[in-house]
PDB file of N, CA and C in Angstrom:
ATOM      1  N   MET A   1       1.357   3.102  -9.766  1.00  0.00           N
ATOM      2  CA  MET A   1       0.883   2.217  -9.048  1.00  0.00           C
ATOM      3  C   MET A   1       0.751   2.661  -7.499  1.00  0.00           C
ATOM      4  N   LEU A   2      -0.170   1.940  -7.089  1.00  0.00           N
ATOM      5  CA  LEU A   2      -0.523   2.316  -5.591  1.00  0.00           C
ATOM      6  C   LEU A   2      -0.834   1.077  -4.990  1.00  0.00           C
ATOM      7  N   VAL A   3      -0.438   0.886  -3.938  1.00  0.00           N
ATOM      8  CA  VAL A   3      -0.690  -0.389  -2.918  1.00  0.00           C
ATOM      9  C   VAL A   3      -0.959   0.322  -1.686  1.00  0.00           C
ATOM     10  N   ALA A   4      -2.204   0.023  -1.163  1.00  0.00           N
ATOM     11  CA  ALA A   4      -2.726   0.443   0.002  1.00  0.00           C
ATOM     12  C   ALA A   4      -3.158  -0.839   1.016  1.00  0.00           C
ATOM     13  N   GLY A   5      -2.807  -0.603   2.267  1.00  0.00           N
ATOM     14  CA  GLY A   5      -2.845  -1.958   3.348  1.00  0.00           C
ATOM     15  C   GLY A   5      -3.511  -1.171   4.403  1.00  0.00           C
ATOM     16  N   CYS A   6      -3.638  -2.356   5.255  1.00  0.00           N
ATOM     17  CA  CYS A   6      -3.902  -2.315   6.652  1.00  0.00           C
ATOM     18  C   CYS A   6      -3.233  -3.402   7.262  1.00  0.00           C
ATOM     19  N   GLY A   7      -2.407  -3.041   8.267  1.00  0.00           N
ATOM     20  CA  GLY A   7      -1.852  -4.191   9.005  1.00  0.00           C
ATOM     21  C   GLY A   7      -2.745  -4.798  10.185  1.00  0.00           C
ATOM     22  N   GLY A   8      -3.914  -4.177  10.391  1.00  0.00           N
ATOM     23  CA  GLY A   8      -4.898  -4.827  11.201  1.00  0.00           C
ATOM     24  C   GLY A   8      -4.870  -4.817  12.538  1.00  0.00           C
ATOM     25  N   THR A   9      -3.698  -4.166  13.147  1.00  0.00           N
ATOM     26  CA  THR A   9      -3.574  -4.269  14.553  1.00  0.00           C
ATOM     27  C   THR A   9      -4.399  -3.384  15.278  1.00  0.00           C
ATOM     28  N   GLY A  10      -5.120  -2.547  14.834  1.00  0.00           N
ATOM     29  CA  GLY A  10      -5.671  -1.438  15.835  1.00  0.00           C
ATOM     30  C   GLY A  10      -7.044  -2.304  16.294  1.00  0.00           C
ATOM     31  N   GLN A  11      -7.684  -1.830  17.238  1.00  0.00           N
ATOM     32  CA  GLN A  11      -8.726  -2.321  17.903  1.00  0.00           C
ATOM     33  C   GLN A  11      -9.758  -1.416  18.058  1.00  0.00           C
ATOM     34  N   SER A  12     -10.191  -0.747  17.252  1.00  0.00           N
ATOM     35  CA  SER A  12     -10.928   0.749  17.171  1.00  0.00           C
ATOM     36  C   SER A  12     -12.330   0.279  17.716  1.00  0.00           C
ATOM     37  N   THR A  13     -12.839   0.855  18.677  1.00  0.00           N
ATOM     38  CA  THR A  13     -14.455   0.226  19.052  1.00  0.00           C
ATOM     39  C   THR A  13     -15.319   1.172  18.700  1.00  0.00           C
ATOM     40  N   ASN A  14     -14.720   2.598  18.032  1.00  0.00           N
ATOM     41  CA  ASN A  14     -15.378   3.332  17.525  1.00  0.00           C
ATOM     42  C   ASN A  14     -15.624   2.999  16.308  1.00  0.00           C
ATOM     43  N   LEU A  15     -16.940   2.511  15.849  1.00  0.00           N
ATOM     44  CA  LEU A  15     -16.915   2.272  14.376  1.00  0.00           C
ATOM     45  C   LEU A  15     -17.457   3.322  13.661  1.00  0.00           C
ATOM     46  N   THR A  16     -17.908   4.409  14.073  1.00  0.00           N
ATOM     47  CA  THR A  16     -17.916   5.901  13.107  1.00  0.00           C
ATOM     48  C   THR A  16     -16.860   6.107  12.848  1.00  0.00           C
ATOM     49  N   SER A  17     -15.837   6.198  13.498  1.00  0.00           N
ATOM     50  CA  SER A  17     -14.404   6.651  13.108  1.00  0.00           C
ATOM     51  C   SER A  17     -13.935   5.494  12.057  1.00  0.00           C
ATOM     52  N   CYS A  18     -14.052   4.451  12.070  1.00  0.00           N
ATOM     53  CA  CYS A  18     -13.613   3.372  10.991  1.00  0.00           C
ATOM     54  C   CYS A  18     -14.431   3.959   9.780  1.00  0.00           C
ATOM     55  N   VAL A  19     -15.917   4.031   9.765  1.00  0.00           N
ATOM     56  CA  VAL A  19     -16.734   4.439   8.624  1.00  0.00           C
ATOM     57  C   VAL A  19     -15.914   5.782   7.871  1.00  0.00           C
ATOM     58  N   ASP A  20     -15.451   6.573   8.887  1.00  0.00           N
ATOM     59  CA  ASP A  20     -15.353   7.880   8.205  1.00  0.00           C
ATOM     60  C   ASP A  20     -13.805   7.729   7.784  1.00  0.00           C
ATOM     61  N   GLN A  21     -13.069   7.023   8.363  1.00  0.00           N
ATOM     62  CA  GLN A  21     -12.013   6.653   7.668  1.00  0.00           C
ATOM     63  C   GLN A  21     -11.930   5.871   6.328  1.00  0.00           C
ATOM     64  N   ALA A  22     -12.703   5.133   6.453  1.00  0.00           N
ATOM     65  CA  ALA A  22     -12.934   4.619   4.807  1.00  0.00           C
ATOM     66  C   ALA A  22     -13.428   5.563   4.005  1.00  0.00           C
ATOM     67  N   SER A  23     -14.320   6.301   4.057  1.00  0.00           N
ATOM     68  CA  SER A  23     -14.766   7.123   3.493  1.00  0.00           C
ATOM     69  C   SER A  23     -13.873   8.332   2.890  1.00  0.00           C
ATOM     70  N   ASP A  24     -13.169   8.758   4.034  1.00  0.00           N
ATOM     71  CA  ASP A  24     -11.969   9.548   3.313  1.00  0.00           C
ATOM     72  C   ASP A  24     -11.016   8.759   2.577  1.00  0.00           C
ATOM     73  N   LEU A  25     -10.566   7.727   2.923  1.00  0.00           N
ATOM     74  CA  LEU A  25      -9.668   6.933   1.900  1.00  0.00           C
ATOM     75  C   LEU A  25     -10.337   6.893   0.672  1.00  0.00           C
ATOM     76  N   ALA A  26     -11.548   6.432   0.291  1.00  0.00           N
ATOM     77  CA  ALA A  26     -12.314   6.333  -0.935  1.00  0.00           C
ATOM     78  C   ALA A  26     -12.409   7.925  -1.681  1.00  0.00           C
ATOM     79  N   CYS A  27     -12.728   8.925  -0.789  1.00  0.00           N
ATOM     80  CA  CYS A  27     -12.586   9.960  -1.677  1.00  0.00           C
ATOM     81  C   CYS A  27     -11.176  10.243  -1.977  1.00  0.00           C
ATOM     82  N   ALA A  28     -10.643   9.961  -1.546  1.00  0.00           N
ATOM     83  CA  ALA A  28      -8.883  10.496  -1.763  1.00  0.00           C
ATOM     84  C   ALA A  28      -8.595   9.757  -3.142  1.00  0.00           C
ATOM     85  N   LEU A  29      -9.078   8.450  -3.171  1.00  0.00           N
ATOM     86  CA  LEU A  29      -8.645   7.479  -4.287  1.00  0.00           C
ATOM     87  C   LEU A  29      -9.400   7.471  -5.368  1.00  0.00           C
ATOM     88  N   PHE A  30     -10.767   8.396  -5.180  1.00  0.00           N
ATOM     89  CA  PHE A  30     -11.490   8.709  -6.382  1.00  0.00           C
ATOM     90  C   PHE A  30     -11.004   8.917  -7.848  1.00  0.00           C
ATOM     91  N   THR A  31     -10.061   9.855  -7.641  1.00  0.00           N
ATOM     92  CA  THR A  31      -9.350  10.260  -8.943  1.00  0.00           C
ATOM     93  C   THR A  31      -8.516   9.546  -9.579  1.00  0.00           C
ATOM     94  N   GLU A  32      -7.857   8.557  -8.530  1.00  0.00           N
ATOM     95  CA  GLU A  32      -6.684   7.860  -9.240  1.00  0.00           C
ATOM     96  C   GLU A  32      -7.401   6.453 -10.135  1.00  0.00           C
ATOM     97  N   LYS A  33      -6.559   6.335 -10.999  1.00  0.00           N
ATOM     98  CA  LYS A  33      -7.185   5.179 -12.076  1.00  0.00           C
ATOM     99  C   LYS A  33      -6.695   3.808 -11.283  1.00  0.00           C
ATOM    100  N   ILE A  34      -7.847   3.235 -10.925  1.00  0.00           N
ATOM    101  CA  ILE A  34      -7.882   1.830 -10.117  1.00  0.00           C
ATOM    102  C   ILE A  34      -8.467   1.002 -11.266  1.00  0.00           C
ATOM    103  N   SER A  35      -7.754  -0.442 -10.988  1.00  0.00           N
ATOM    104  CA  SER A  35      -8.230  -1.142 -12.053  1.00  0.00           C
ATOM    105  C   SER A  35      -9.516  -1.859 -11.309  1.00  0.00           C
ATOM    106  N   ASN A  36     -10.442  -2.368 -12.268  1.00  0.00           N
ATOM    107  CA  ASN A  36     -11.634  -3.081 -11.625  1.00  0.00           C
ATOM    108  C   ASN A  36     -11.176  -4.440 -11.086  1.00  0.00           C
ATOM    109  N   PRO A  37     -11.534  -4.681  -9.645  1.00  0.00           N
ATOM    110  CA  PRO A  37     -11.021  -6.262  -9.465  1.00  0.00           C
ATOM    111  C   PRO A  37     -11.311  -7.027 -10.202  1.00  0.00           C
ATOM    112  N   ALA A  38     -12.731  -6.980 -10.777  1.00  0.00           N
ATOM    113  CA  ALA A  38     -13.175  -8.077 -11.879  1.00  0.00           C
ATOM    114  C   ALA A  38     -12.573  -8.275 -12.918  1.00  0.00           C
ATOM    115  N   CYS A  39     -11.771  -7.225 -13.548  1.00  0.00           N
ATOM    116  CA  CYS A  39     -11.087  -7.427 -14.373  1.00  0.00           C
ATOM    117  C   CYS A  39      -9.371  -7.933 -14.587  1.00  0.00           C
ATOM    118  N   LEU A  40      -8.988  -8.199 -13.001  1.00  0.00           N
ATOM    119  CA  LEU A  40      -7.837  -8.701 -12.743  1.00  0.00           C
ATOM    120  C   LEU A  40      -7.713 -10.211 -13.031  1.00  0.00           C
ATOM    121  N   PRO A  41      -6.398 -10.394 -13.230  1.00  0.00           N
ATOM    122  CA  PRO A  41      -6.425 -11.989 -13.725  1.00  0.00           C
ATOM    123  C   PRO A  41      -6.421 -12.898 -12.177  1.00  0.00           C
ATOM    124  N   VAL A  42      -6.952 -13.938 -12.575  1.00  0.00           N
ATOM    125  CA  VAL A  42      -7.309 -14.928 -11.485  1.00  0.00           C
ATOM    126  C   VAL A  42      -5.979 -16.072 -11.503  1.00  0.00           C
ATOM    127  N   THR A  43      -5.074 -16.027 -12.481  1.00  0.00           N
ATOM    128  CA  THR A  43      -3.945 -16.817 -12.167  1.00  0.00           C
ATOM    129  C   THR A  43      -2.770 -16.193 -12.691  1.00  0.00           C
ATOM    130  N   GLY A  44      -1.611 -16.772 -12.280  1.00  0.00           N
ATOM    131  CA  GLY A  44      -0.377 -16.364 -12.898  1.00  0.00           C
ATOM    132  C   GLY A  44       0.161 -15.187 -11.420  1.00  0.00           C
ATOM    133  N   ARG A  45       0.996 -14.556 -12.117  1.00  0.00           N
ATOM    134  CA  ARG A  45       1.838 -13.395 -10.990  1.00  0.00           C
ATOM    135  C   ARG A  45       2.358 -12.310 -11.692  1.00  0.00           C
ATOM    136  N   ALA A  46       2.661 -11.401 -10.926  1.00  0.00           N
ATOM    137  CA  ALA A  46       3.323  -9.909 -11.582  1.00  0.00           C
ATOM    138  C   ALA A  46       4.343  -9.820 -10.547  1.00  0.00           C
ATOM    139  N   ILE A  47       5.541  -9.448 -10.939  1.00  0.00           N
ATOM    140  CA  ILE A  47       6.608  -9.037 -10.493  1.00  0.00           C
ATOM    141  C   ILE A  47       7.023  -7.483 -10.946  1.00  0.00           C
ATOM    142  N   TYR A  48       7.566  -6.780  -9.835  1.00  0.00           N
ATOM    143  CA  TYR A  48       7.899  -5.345  -9.968  1.00  0.00           C
ATOM    144  C   TYR A  48       9.226  -5.316  -9.175  1.00  0.00           C
ATOM    145  N   VAL A  49      10.335  -4.854  -9.742  1.00  0.00           N
ATOM    146  CA  VAL A  49      11.385  -4.566  -9.380  1.00  0.00           C
ATOM    147  C   VAL A  49      11.963  -3.382  -9.605  1.00  0.00           C
ATOM    148  N   ARG A  50      11.992  -2.090  -9.041  1.00  0.00           N
ATOM    149  CA  ARG A  50      12.411  -0.675  -9.506  1.00  0.00           C
ATOM    150  C   ARG A  50      12.996  -0.106  -8.132  1.00  0.00           C
ATOM    151  N   PHE A  51      12.110   1.036  -7.893  1.00  0.00           N
ATOM    152  CA  PHE A  51      11.902   1.749  -6.851  1.00  0.00           C
ATOM    153  C   PHE A  51      10.220   1.974  -6.408  1.00  0.00           C
ATOM    154  N   GLY A  52      10.458   2.480  -5.026  1.00  0.00           N
ATOM    155  CA  GLY A  52       9.307   2.969  -4.599  1.00  0.00           C
ATOM    156  C   GLY A  52       9.699   4.038  -3.520  1.00  0.00           C
ATOM    157  N   THR A  53       8.556   4.918  -3.152  1.00  0.00           N
ATOM    158  CA  THR A  53       8.648   5.952  -2.233  1.00  0.00           C
ATOM    159  C   THR A  53       7.788   5.654  -1.174  1.00  0.00           C
ATOM    160  N   LEU A  54       8.160   6.203  -0.121  1.00  0.00           N
ATOM    161  CA  LEU A  54       7.708   6.251   1.174  1.00  0.00           C
ATOM    162  C   LEU A  54       7.333   7.315   1.952  1.00  0.00           C
ATOM    163  N   ASP A  55       6.261   7.775   2.153  1.00  0.00           N
ATOM    164  CA  ASP A  55       6.093   9.399   2.879  1.00  0.00           C
ATOM    165  C   ASP A  55       5.988   8.605   4.419  1.00  0.00           C
ATOM    166  N   LEU A  56       6.768   9.256   5.284  1.00  0.00           N
ATOM    167  CA  LEU A  56       7.092   9.150   6.738  1.00  0.00           C
ATOM    168  C   LEU A  56       6.867  10.376   7.394  1.00  0.00           C
ATOM    169  N   ALA A  57       5.873  10.395   8.377  1.00  0.00           N
ATOM    170  CA  ALA A  57       5.998  11.652   9.387  1.00  0.00           C
ATOM    171  C   ALA A  57       6.952  11.544  10.582  1.00  0.00           C
ATOM    172  N   ILE A  58       7.977  12.075  10.326  1.00  0.00           N
ATOM    173  CA  ILE A  58       8.873  12.089  11.435  1.00  0.00           C
ATOM    174  C   ILE A  58       8.949  13.251  12.284  1.00  0.00           C
ATOM    175  N   LEU A  59       8.898  13.404  13.435  1.00  0.00           N
ATOM    176  CA  LEU A  59       8.921  14.404  14.346  1.00  0.00           C
ATOM    177  C   LEU A  59       8.082  15.672  13.881  1.00  0.00           C
ATOM    178  N   GLY A  60       6.700  15.038  13.443  1.00  0.00           N
ATOM    179  CA  GLY A  60       5.604  16.124  12.865  1.00  0.00           C
ATOM    180  C   GLY A  60       5.945  16.414  11.539  1.00  0.00           C
ATOM    181  N   THR A  61       7.091  15.859  10.849  1.00  0.00           N
ATOM    182  CA  THR A  61       7.296  16.521   9.522  1.00  0.00           C
ATOM    183  C   THR A  61       7.363  15.422   8.403  1.00  0.00           C
ATOM    184  N   THR A  62       6.141  15.390   7.433  1.00  0.00           N
ATOM    185  CA  THR A  62       6.321  14.224   6.529  1.00  0.00           C
ATOM    186  C   THR A  62       7.409  14.674   5.266  1.00  0.00           C
ATOM    187  N   GLN A  63       8.189  13.324   5.044  1.00  0.00           N
ATOM    188  CA  GLN A  63       8.968  13.637   4.065  1.00  0.00           C
ATOM    189  C   GLN A  63       8.880  12.224   3.179  1.00  0.00           C
ATOM    190  N   SER A  64       9.280  12.622   1.925  1.00  0.00           N
ATOM    191  CA  SER A  64       9.139  11.228   0.881  1.00  0.00           C
ATOM    192  C   SER A  64      10.803  10.739   1.097  1.00  0.00           C
ATOM    193  N   TYR A  65      10.686   9.251   0.977  1.00  0.00           N
ATOM    194  CA  TYR A  65      12.131   8.670   0.937  1.00  0.00           C
ATOM    195  C   TYR A  65      11.937   7.474  -0.229  1.00  0.00           C
ATOM    196  N   ILE A  66      12.912   7.587  -0.909  1.00  0.00           N
ATOM    197  CA  ILE A  66      13.083   6.627  -1.987  1.00  0.00           C
ATOM    198  C   ILE A  66      13.848   5.562  -1.672  1.00  0.00           C
ATOM    199  N   GLY A  67      13.071   4.320  -1.972  1.00  0.00           N
ATOM    200  CA  GLY A  67      14.057   3.191  -1.978  1.00  0.00           C
ATOM    201  C   GLY A  67      13.968   1.993  -3.015  1.00  0.00           C
ATOM    202  N   ASP A  68      14.295   0.869  -2.684  1.00  0.00           N
ATOM    203  CA  ASP A  68      14.512  -0.107  -3.593  1.00  0.00           C
ATOM    204  C   ASP A  68      13.385  -1.108  -3.476  1.00  0.00           C
ATOM    205  N   LEU A  69      12.292  -1.141  -4.390  1.00  0.00           N
ATOM    206  CA  LEU A  69      11.100  -2.016  -4.284  1.00  0.00           C
ATOM    207  C   LEU A  69      11.254  -3.250  -4.721  1.00  0.00           C
ATOM    208  N   ASP A  70      10.890  -4.447  -4.190  1.00  0.00           N
ATOM    209  CA  ASP A  70      10.832  -5.627  -4.733  1.00  0.00           C
ATOM    210  C   ASP A  70       9.356  -6.299  -4.407  1.00  0.00           C
ATOM    211  N   LEU A  71       8.456  -6.338  -5.463  1.00  0.00           N
ATOM    212  CA  LEU A  71       7.141  -6.760  -5.057  1.00  0.00           C
ATOM    213  C   LEU A  71       6.559  -7.728  -5.915  1.00  0.00           C
ATOM    214  N   THR A  72       5.897  -8.692  -5.414  1.00  0.00           N
ATOM    215  CA  THR A  72       5.400  -9.737  -5.885  1.00  0.00           C
ATOM    216  C   THR A  72       3.784  -9.881  -5.811  1.00  0.00           C
ATOM    217  N   VAL A  73       2.886 -10.213  -6.770  1.00  0.00           N
ATOM    218  CA  VAL A  73       1.632 -10.528  -6.719  1.00  0.00           C
ATOM    219  C   VAL A  73       1.168 -11.785  -7.165  1.00  0.00           C
ATOM    220  N   LYS A  74       0.775 -12.615  -6.287  1.00  0.00           N
ATOM    221  CA  LYS A  74       0.211 -13.833  -7.000  1.00  0.00           C
ATOM    222  C   LYS A  74      -1.104 -13.739  -7.062  1.00  0.00           C
ATOM    223  N   PHE A  75      -1.968 -13.940  -8.209  1.00  0.00           N
ATOM    224  CA  PHE A  75      -3.216 -13.649  -8.413  1.00  0.00           C
ATOM    225  C   PHE A  75      -4.002 -15.067  -8.073  1.00  0.00           C
ATOM    226  N   SER A  76      -3.593 -15.985  -7.959  1.00  0.00           N
ATOM    227  CA  SER A  76      -4.209 -17.234  -7.522  1.00  0.00           C
ATOM    228  C   SER A  76      -3.888 -17.755  -6.245  1.00  0.00           C
ATOM    229  N   SER A  77      -3.525 -17.061  -5.504  1.00  0.00           N
ATOM    230  CA  SER A  77      -3.336 -17.316  -4.031  1.00  0.00           C
ATOM    231  C   SER A  77      -4.181 -16.946  -3.398  1.00  0.00           C
ATOM    232  N   ALA A  78      -4.550 -17.941  -2.424  1.00  0.00           N
ATOM    233  CA  ALA A  78      -5.703 -17.653  -1.096  1.00  0.00           C
ATOM    234  C   ALA A  78      -5.274 -16.756  -0.278  1.00  0.00           C
ATOM    235  N   SER A  79      -3.955 -16.599   0.081  1.00  0.00           N
ATOM    236  CA  SER A  79      -3.513 -15.640   1.201  1.00  0.00           C
ATOM    237  C   SER A  79      -2.078 -15.296   0.563  1.00  0.00           C
ATOM    238  N   GLY A  80      -1.545 -14.474   1.256  1.00  0.00           N
ATOM    239  CA  GLY A  80      -0.239 -13.867   0.814  1.00  0.00           C
ATOM    240  C   GLY A  80      -0.175 -13.312  -0.485  1.00  0.00           C
ATOM    241  N   ARG A  81      -1.088 -12.698  -1.007  1.00  0.00           N
ATOM    242  CA  ARG A  81      -1.264 -12.326  -2.650  1.00  0.00           C
ATOM    243  C   ARG A  81      -0.149 -11.276  -2.848  1.00  0.00           C
ATOM    244  N   ILE A  82      -0.002 -10.418  -1.938  1.00  0.00           N
ATOM    245  CA  ILE A  82       1.034  -9.212  -2.160  1.00  0.00           C
ATOM    246  C   ILE A  82       1.985  -9.577  -1.172  1.00  0.00           C
ATOM    247  N   SER A  83       3.180  -9.256  -1.547  1.00  0.00           N
ATOM    248  CA  SER A  83       4.405  -9.497  -0.607  1.00  0.00           C
ATOM    249  C   SER A  83       5.886  -8.727  -1.383  1.00  0.00           C
ATOM    250  N   GLY A  84       6.640  -8.600  -0.791  1.00  0.00           N
ATOM    251  CA  GLY A  84       7.772  -7.701  -1.074  1.00  0.00           C
ATOM    252  C   GLY A  84       8.542  -6.892  -0.251  1.00  0.00           C
ATOM    253  N   THR A  85       9.371  -6.324  -0.546  1.00  0.00           N
ATOM    254  CA  THR A  85      10.324  -5.358   0.424  1.00  0.00           C
ATOM    255  C   THR A  85      10.665  -3.883  -0.181  1.00  0.00           C
ATOM    256  N   LEU A  86      10.850  -3.029   0.551  1.00  0.00           N
ATOM    257  CA  LEU A  86      10.966  -1.547   0.374  1.00  0.00           C
ATOM    258  C   LEU A  86      12.084  -1.597   1.313  1.00  0.00           C
ATOM    259  N   HIS A  87      13.473  -1.344   0.761  1.00  0.00           N
ATOM    260  CA  HIS A  87      14.864  -1.148   1.612  1.00  0.00           C
ATOM    261  C   HIS A  87      15.767  -0.015   0.849  1.00  0.00           C
ATOM    262  N   ASN A  88      16.808   0.006   1.426  1.00  0.00           N
ATOM    263  CA  ASN A  88      17.731   1.095   0.939  1.00  0.00           C
ATOM    264  C   ASN A  88      17.584   2.318   0.659  1.00  0.00           C
ATOM    265  N   PHE A  89      16.604   2.890   1.700  1.00  0.00           N
ATOM    266  CA  PHE A  89      16.150   4.249   1.580  1.00  0.00           C
ATOM    267  C   PHE A  89      17.389   5.481   1.455  1.00  0.00           C
ATOM    268  N   ASP A  90      17.041   6.192   0.512  1.00  0.00           N
ATOM    269  CA  ASP A  90      18.043   7.522   0.252  1.00  0.00           C
ATOM    270  C   ASP A  90      17.702   8.408   1.394  1.00  0.00           C
ATOM    271  N   GLY A  91      18.425   8.852   2.296  1.00  0.00           N
ATOM    272  CA  GLY A  91      18.482   9.958   3.023  1.00  0.00           C
ATOM    273  C   GLY A  91      17.829   9.575   4.476  1.00  0.00           C
ATOM    274  N   LEU A  92      17.137   8.358   4.510  1.00  0.00           N
ATOM    275  CA  LEU A  92      16.886   7.988   5.899  1.00  0.00           C
ATOM    276  C   LEU A  92      18.065   7.714   6.786  1.00  0.00           C
ATOM    277  N   ILE A  93      17.967   7.792   7.902  1.00  0.00           N
ATOM    278  CA  ILE A  93      18.756   7.499   9.024  1.00  0.00           C
ATOM    279  C   ILE A  93      18.334   6.959  10.230  1.00  0.00           C
ATOM    280  N   GLY A  94      18.697   5.979  10.817  1.00  0.00           N
ATOM    281  CA  GLY A  94      18.267   5.253  12.042  1.00  0.00           C
ATOM    282  C   GLY A  94      17.141   4.236  11.490  1.00  0.00           C
TER     283      GLY A  94
END
């Protein structure tokens, strides 16, 4: 399962940079098995409670950390469709 998102806090005035980033993301995800949005349910919800990984670049070195993931997807919601927490990371200090 892959969930990607953007916090939307950036205020880039360089539209070319935004287009390049979107293109790079599309290329990176091209080989992934992604569900066609038209085939997703329009009602109900899904809940995932297991573990997740988070790749963080700390002091220039990217490392993967495993934590507890609680994720809920509300298919019929107009806003807040995906919510959850990722906590209790193994090996992450601070």
